[in-house]
């Protein structure tokens, strides 16, 4: 399921992001996704299917932990 991610940044940051994407022959969106995954790999961060909770399941678990 595709999700949206909106990033608010300065014009300079947007220009740098476009320059990086162009240099790597990627769209801006693909470049940002690539950089997120690259940084996660570099830091040894991964998500297993068990760790990813979606929608009402996550809300229900959060509510039961708080109660």
PDB file of N, CA and C in Angstrom:
ATOM      1  N   UNK A   1       0.843  -1.164   0.000  1.00  0.00           N
ATOM      2  CA  UNK A   1       0.000   0.000   0.000  1.00  0.00           C
ATOM      3  C   UNK A   1       0.901   1.243   0.000  1.00  0.00           C
ATOM      4  N   UNK A   2       0.747   2.092  -0.993  1.00  0.00           N
ATOM      5  CA  UNK A   2       1.569   3.297  -1.109  1.00  0.00           C
ATOM      6  C   UNK A   2       1.114   4.349  -0.106  1.00  0.00           C
ATOM      7  N   UNK A   3       2.063   5.027   0.478  1.00  0.00           N
ATOM      8  CA  UNK A   3       1.799   6.106   1.429  1.00  0.00           C
ATOM      9  C   UNK A   3       2.418   7.378   0.881  1.00  0.00           C
ATOM     10  N   UNK A   4       1.919   8.514   1.345  1.00  0.00           N
ATOM     11  CA  UNK A   4       2.454   9.810   0.938  1.00  0.00           C
ATOM     12  C   UNK A   4       3.350  10.366   2.031  1.00  0.00           C
ATOM     13  N   UNK A   5       4.363  11.081   1.610  1.00  0.00           N
ATOM     14  CA  UNK A   5       5.276  11.734   2.531  1.00  0.00           C
ATOM     15  C   UNK A   5       5.493  13.139   1.999  1.00  0.00           C
ATOM     16  N   UNK A   6       5.104  14.141   2.776  1.00  0.00           N
ATOM     17  CA  UNK A   6       5.270  15.526   2.372  1.00  0.00           C
ATOM     18  C   UNK A   6       6.424  16.127   3.153  1.00  0.00           C
ATOM     19  N   UNK A   7       7.318  16.802   2.451  1.00  0.00           N
ATOM     20  CA  UNK A   7       8.496  17.374   3.087  1.00  0.00           C
ATOM     21  C   UNK A   7       8.485  18.883   2.864  1.00  0.00           C
ATOM     22  N   UNK A   8       8.518  19.618   3.943  1.00  0.00           N
ATOM     23  CA  UNK A   8       8.609  21.071   3.869  1.00  0.00           C
ATOM     24  C   UNK A   8      10.074  21.439   4.027  1.00  0.00           C
ATOM     25  N   UNK A   9      10.607  22.206   3.063  1.00  0.00           N
ATOM     26  CA  UNK A   9      12.025  22.566   3.113  1.00  0.00           C
ATOM     27  C   UNK A   9      12.245  23.902   2.421  1.00  0.00           C
ATOM     28  N   UNK A  10      13.451  24.402   2.547  1.00  0.00           N
ATOM     29  CA  UNK A  10      13.818  25.668   1.901  1.00  0.00           C
ATOM     30  C   UNK A  10      14.004  25.435   0.399  1.00  0.00           C
ATOM     31  N   UNK A  11      14.030  26.537  -0.340  1.00  0.00           N
ATOM     32  CA  UNK A  11      14.276  26.443  -1.782  1.00  0.00           C
ATOM     33  C   UNK A  11      15.663  25.867  -2.061  1.00  0.00           C
ATOM     34  N   UNK A  12      16.624  26.221  -1.217  1.00  0.00           N
ATOM     35  CA  UNK A  12      17.987  25.709  -1.389  1.00  0.00           C
ATOM     36  C   UNK A  12      18.015  24.185  -1.228  1.00  0.00           C
ATOM     37  N   UNK A  13      17.326  23.680  -0.208  1.00  0.00           N
ATOM     38  CA  UNK A  13      17.274  22.235   0.015  1.00  0.00           C
ATOM     39  C   UNK A  13      16.576  21.541  -1.146  1.00  0.00           C
ATOM     40  N   UNK A  14      15.504  22.132  -1.656  1.00  0.00           N
ATOM     41  CA  UNK A  14      14.804  21.551  -2.798  1.00  0.00           C
ATOM     42  C   UNK A  14      15.714  21.519  -4.026  1.00  0.00           C
ATOM     43  N   UNK A  15      16.462  22.588  -4.248  1.00  0.00           N
ATOM     44  CA  UNK A  15      17.382  22.635  -5.385  1.00  0.00           C
ATOM     45  C   UNK A  15      18.480  21.580  -5.246  1.00  0.00           C
ATOM     46  N   UNK A  16      19.001  21.416  -4.024  1.00  0.00           N
ATOM     47  CA  UNK A  16      20.025  20.387  -3.791  1.00  0.00           C
ATOM     48  C   UNK A  16      19.454  18.991  -4.039  1.00  0.00           C
ATOM     49  N   UNK A  17      18.235  18.759  -3.576  1.00  0.00           N
ATOM     50  CA  UNK A  17      17.602  17.450  -3.780  1.00  0.00           C
ATOM     51  C   UNK A  17      17.421  17.165  -5.267  1.00  0.00           C
ATOM     52  N   UNK A  18      16.970  18.158  -6.016  1.00  0.00           N
ATOM     53  CA  UNK A  18      16.812  17.977  -7.464  1.00  0.00           C
ATOM     54  C   UNK A  18      18.162  17.719  -8.137  1.00  0.00           C
ATOM     55  N   UNK A  19      19.201  18.439  -7.700  1.00  0.00           N
ATOM     56  CA  UNK A  19      20.534  18.234  -8.276  1.00  0.00           C
ATOM     57  C   UNK A  19      21.046  16.825  -7.993  1.00  0.00           C
ATOM     58  N   UNK A  20      20.837  16.339  -6.751  1.00  0.00           N
ATOM     59  CA  UNK A  20      21.247  14.966  -6.418  1.00  0.00           C
ATOM     60  C   UNK A  20      20.504  13.950  -7.283  1.00  0.00           C
ATOM     61  N   UNK A  21      19.202  14.147  -7.412  1.00  0.00           N
ATOM     62  CA  UNK A  21      18.381  13.219  -8.201  1.00  0.00           C
ATOM     63  C   UNK A  21      18.832  13.211  -9.655  1.00  0.00           C
ATOM     64  N   UNK A  22      19.053  14.380 -10.206  1.00  0.00           N
ATOM     65  CA  UNK A  22      19.488  14.475 -11.603  1.00  0.00           C
ATOM     66  C   UNK A  22      20.847  13.806 -11.804  1.00  0.00           C
ATOM     67  N   UNK A  23      21.746  14.020 -10.861  1.00  0.00           N
ATOM     68  CA  UNK A  23      23.081  13.420 -10.926  1.00  0.00           C
ATOM     69  C   UNK A  23      23.011  11.897 -10.908  1.00  0.00           C
ATOM     70  N   UNK A  24      22.030  11.338 -10.216  1.00  0.00           N
ATOM     71  CA  UNK A  24      21.870   9.881 -10.106  1.00  0.00           C
ATOM     72  C   UNK A  24      20.876   9.321 -11.128  1.00  0.00           C
ATOM     73  N   UNK A  25      20.398  10.182 -12.038  1.00  0.00           N
ATOM     74  CA  UNK A  25      19.403   9.782 -13.053  1.00  0.00           C
ATOM     75  C   UNK A  25      18.140   9.190 -12.425  1.00  0.00           C
ATOM     76  N   UNK A  26      17.673   9.829 -11.354  1.00  0.00           N
ATOM     77  CA  UNK A  26      16.446   9.401 -10.674  1.00  0.00           C
ATOM     78  C   UNK A  26      15.483  10.577 -10.611  1.00  0.00           C
ATOM     79  N   UNK A  27      14.208  10.249 -10.428  1.00  0.00           N
ATOM     80  CA  UNK A  27      13.244  11.304 -10.122  1.00  0.00           C
ATOM     81  C   UNK A  27      13.507  11.761  -8.692  1.00  0.00           C
ATOM     82  N   UNK A  28      12.993  12.912  -8.335  1.00  0.00           N
ATOM     83  CA  UNK A  28      13.183  13.417  -6.978  1.00  0.00           C
ATOM     84  C   UNK A  28      12.615  12.427  -5.961  1.00  0.00           C
ATOM     85  N   UNK A  29      11.437  11.902  -6.215  1.00  0.00           N
ATOM     86  CA  UNK A  29      10.817  10.949  -5.297  1.00  0.00           C
ATOM     87  C   UNK A  29      11.673   9.700  -5.145  1.00  0.00           C
ATOM     88  N   UNK A  30      12.122   9.142  -6.251  1.00  0.00           N
ATOM     89  CA  UNK A  30      12.949   7.927  -6.194  1.00  0.00           C
ATOM     90  C   UNK A  30      14.272   8.198  -5.484  1.00  0.00           C
ATOM     91  N   UNK A  31      14.837   9.401  -5.664  1.00  0.00           N
ATOM     92  CA  UNK A  31      16.086   9.741  -4.997  1.00  0.00           C
ATOM     93  C   UNK A  31      15.902   9.803  -3.489  1.00  0.00           C
ATOM     94  N   UNK A  32      14.827  10.414  -3.036  1.00  0.00           N
ATOM     95  CA  UNK A  32      14.570  10.513  -1.597  1.00  0.00           C
ATOM     96  C   UNK A  32      14.347   9.126  -0.999  1.00  0.00           C
ATOM     97  N   UNK A  33      13.581   8.297  -1.687  1.00  0.00           N
ATOM     98  CA  UNK A  33      13.363   6.925  -1.217  1.00  0.00           C
ATOM     99  C   UNK A  33      14.685   6.172  -1.165  1.00  0.00           C
ATOM    100  N   UNK A  34      15.503   6.324  -2.197  1.00  0.00           N
ATOM    101  CA  UNK A  34      16.819   5.674  -2.241  1.00  0.00           C
ATOM    102  C   UNK A  34      17.678   6.111  -1.051  1.00  0.00           C
ATOM    103  N   UNK A  35      17.690   7.413  -0.768  1.00  0.00           N
ATOM    104  CA  UNK A  35      18.521   7.921   0.328  1.00  0.00           C
ATOM    105  C   UNK A  35      18.028   7.422   1.683  1.00  0.00           C
ATOM    106  N   UNK A  36      16.720   7.318   1.861  1.00  0.00           N
ATOM    107  CA  UNK A  36      16.173   6.795   3.119  1.00  0.00           C
ATOM    108  C   UNK A  36      16.616   5.350   3.313  1.00  0.00           C
ATOM    109  N   UNK A  37      16.466   4.537   2.268  1.00  0.00           N
ATOM    110  CA  UNK A  37      16.858   3.122   2.375  1.00  0.00           C
ATOM    111  C   UNK A  37      18.372   2.961   2.546  1.00  0.00           C
ATOM    112  N   UNK A  38      19.129   3.785   1.837  1.00  0.00           N
ATOM    113  CA  UNK A  38      20.586   3.728   1.952  1.00  0.00           C
ATOM    114  C   UNK A  38      21.031   4.068   3.387  1.00  0.00           C
ATOM    115  N   UNK A  39      20.434   5.093   3.972  1.00  0.00           N
ATOM    116  CA  UNK A  39      20.791   5.485   5.338  1.00  0.00           C
ATOM    117  C   UNK A  39      20.360   4.419   6.344  1.00  0.00           C
ATOM    118  N   UNK A  40      19.186   3.840   6.148  1.00  0.00           N
ATOM    119  CA  UNK A  40      18.734   2.764   7.037  1.00  0.00           C
ATOM    120  C   UNK A  40      19.702   1.583   6.978  1.00  0.00           C
ATOM    121  N   UNK A  41      20.136   1.213   5.767  1.00  0.00           N
ATOM    122  CA  UNK A  41      21.113   0.124   5.622  1.00  0.00           C
ATOM    123  C   UNK A  41      22.425   0.473   6.321  1.00  0.00           C
ATOM    124  N   UNK A  42      22.878   1.698   6.129  1.00  0.00           N
ATOM    125  CA  UNK A  42      24.146   2.142   6.731  1.00  0.00           C
ATOM    126  C   UNK A  42      24.091   2.062   8.249  1.00  0.00           C
ATOM    127  N   UNK A  43      22.915   2.348   8.814  1.00  0.00           N
ATOM    128  CA  UNK A  43      22.752   2.331  10.271  1.00  0.00           C
ATOM    129  C   UNK A  43      22.287   0.975  10.805  1.00  0.00           C
ATOM    130  N   UNK A  44      22.063   0.027   9.905  1.00  0.00           N
ATOM    131  CA  UNK A  44      21.625  -1.298  10.339  1.00  0.00           C
ATOM    132  C   UNK A  44      20.180  -1.333  10.802  1.00  0.00           C
ATOM    133  N   UNK A  45      19.357  -0.456  10.256  1.00  0.00           N
ATOM    134  CA  UNK A  45      17.947  -0.390  10.638  1.00  0.00           C
ATOM    135  C   UNK A  45      17.123  -1.138   9.605  1.00  0.00           C
ATOM    136  N   UNK A  46      16.275  -2.040  10.073  1.00  0.00           N
ATOM    137  CA  UNK A  46      15.375  -2.758   9.168  1.00  0.00           C
ATOM    138  C   UNK A  46      14.053  -2.987   9.878  1.00  0.00           C
ATOM    139  N   UNK A  47      13.035  -3.204   9.091  1.00  0.00           N
ATOM    140  CA  UNK A  47      11.708  -3.485   9.629  1.00  0.00           C
ATOM    141  C   UNK A  47      11.283  -4.875   9.193  1.00  0.00           C
ATOM    142  N   UNK A  48      10.970  -5.705  10.155  1.00  0.00           N
ATOM    143  CA  UNK A  48      10.419  -7.013   9.804  1.00  0.00           C
ATOM    144  C   UNK A  48       8.914  -6.846   9.668  1.00  0.00           C
ATOM    145  N   UNK A  49       8.271  -7.787   9.055  1.00  0.00           N
ATOM    146  CA  UNK A  49       6.818  -7.722   8.886  1.00  0.00           C
ATOM    147  C   UNK A  49       6.111  -7.632  10.232  1.00  0.00           C
ATOM    148  N   UNK A  50       6.667  -8.254  11.282  1.00  0.00           N
ATOM    149  CA  UNK A  50       6.067  -8.201  12.611  1.00  0.00           C
ATOM    150  C   UNK A  50       6.111  -6.791  13.190  1.00  0.00           C
ATOM    151  N   UNK A  51       7.150  -6.024  12.853  1.00  0.00           N
ATOM    152  CA  UNK A  51       7.312  -4.689  13.412  1.00  0.00           C
ATOM    153  C   UNK A  51       6.403  -3.670  12.753  1.00  0.00           C
ATOM    154  N   UNK A  52       5.966  -3.926  11.513  1.00  0.00           N
ATOM    155  CA  UNK A  52       5.149  -2.963  10.792  1.00  0.00           C
ATOM    156  C   UNK A  52       3.689  -3.234  11.101  1.00  0.00           C
ATOM    157  N   UNK A  53       3.065  -2.314  11.803  1.00  0.00           N
ATOM    158  CA  UNK A  53       1.649  -2.419  12.156  1.00  0.00           C
ATOM    159  C   UNK A  53       0.903  -1.342  11.389  1.00  0.00           C
ATOM    160  N   UNK A  54      -0.226  -1.691  10.816  1.00  0.00           N
ATOM    161  CA  UNK A  54      -0.956  -0.744  10.001  1.00  0.00           C
ATOM    162  C   UNK A  54      -2.337  -0.444  10.580  1.00  0.00           C
ATOM    163  N   UNK A  55      -2.789   0.773  10.352  1.00  0.00           N
ATOM    164  CA  UNK A  55      -4.155   1.171  10.599  1.00  0.00           C
ATOM    165  C   UNK A  55      -4.704   0.850  11.960  1.00  0.00           C
ATOM    166  N   UNK A  56      -5.870   0.202  11.987  1.00  0.00           N
ATOM    167  CA  UNK A  56      -6.585  -0.062  13.224  1.00  0.00           C
ATOM    168  C   UNK A  56      -5.840  -1.021  14.145  1.00  0.00           C
ATOM    169  N   UNK A  57      -5.063  -1.935  13.586  1.00  0.00           N
ATOM    170  CA  UNK A  57      -4.289  -2.862  14.419  1.00  0.00           C
ATOM    171  C   UNK A  57      -3.317  -2.084  15.300  1.00  0.00           C
ATOM    172  N   UNK A  58      -2.605  -1.142  14.713  1.00  0.00           N
ATOM    173  CA  UNK A  58      -1.660  -0.334  15.467  1.00  0.00           C
ATOM    174  C   UNK A  58      -2.381   0.524  16.486  1.00  0.00           C
ATOM    175  N   UNK A  59      -3.489   1.133  16.100  1.00  0.00           N
ATOM    176  CA  UNK A  59      -4.262   1.964  17.020  1.00  0.00           C
ATOM    177  C   UNK A  59      -4.782   1.149  18.188  1.00  0.00           C
ATOM    178  N   UNK A  60      -5.285  -0.052  17.919  1.00  0.00           N
ATOM    179  CA  UNK A  60      -5.814  -0.909  18.984  1.00  0.00           C
ATOM    180  C   UNK A  60      -4.712  -1.320  19.954  1.00  0.00           C
ATOM    181  N   UNK A  61      -3.541  -1.652  19.448  1.00  0.00           N
ATOM    182  CA  UNK A  61      -2.440  -2.043  20.319  1.00  0.00           C
ATOM    183  C   UNK A  61      -1.968  -0.870  21.159  1.00  0.00           C
ATOM    184  N   UNK A  62      -1.918   0.309  20.573  1.00  0.00           N
ATOM    185  CA  UNK A  62      -1.501   1.504  21.315  1.00  0.00           C
ATOM    186  C   UNK A  62      -2.524   1.798  22.412  1.00  0.00           C
ATOM    187  N   UNK A  63      -3.784   1.700  22.103  1.00  0.00           N
ATOM    188  CA  UNK A  63      -4.847   1.970  23.081  1.00  0.00           C
ATOM    189  C   UNK A  63      -4.787   0.971  24.220  1.00  0.00           C
ATOM    190  N   UNK A  64      -4.547  -0.309  23.906  1.00  0.00           N
ATOM    191  CA  UNK A  64      -4.522  -1.318  24.977  1.00  0.00           C
ATOM    192  C   UNK A  64      -3.293  -1.157  25.869  1.00  0.00           C
ATOM    193  N   UNK A  65      -2.176  -0.652  25.330  1.00  0.00           N
ATOM    194  CA  UNK A  65      -0.992  -0.431  26.137  1.00  0.00           C
ATOM    195  C   UNK A  65      -1.183   0.749  27.084  1.00  0.00           C
ATOM    196  N   UNK A  66      -1.939   1.747  26.649  1.00  0.00           N
ATOM    197  CA  UNK A  66      -2.171   2.931  27.449  1.00  0.00           C
ATOM    198  C   UNK A  66      -3.165   2.643  28.566  1.00  0.00           C
ATOM    199  N   UNK A  67      -4.127   1.791  28.312  1.00  0.00           N
ATOM    200  CA  UNK A  67      -5.204   1.514  29.294  1.00  0.00           C
ATOM    201  C   UNK A  67      -4.711   0.844  30.545  1.00  0.00           C
TER     202      UNK A  67
END
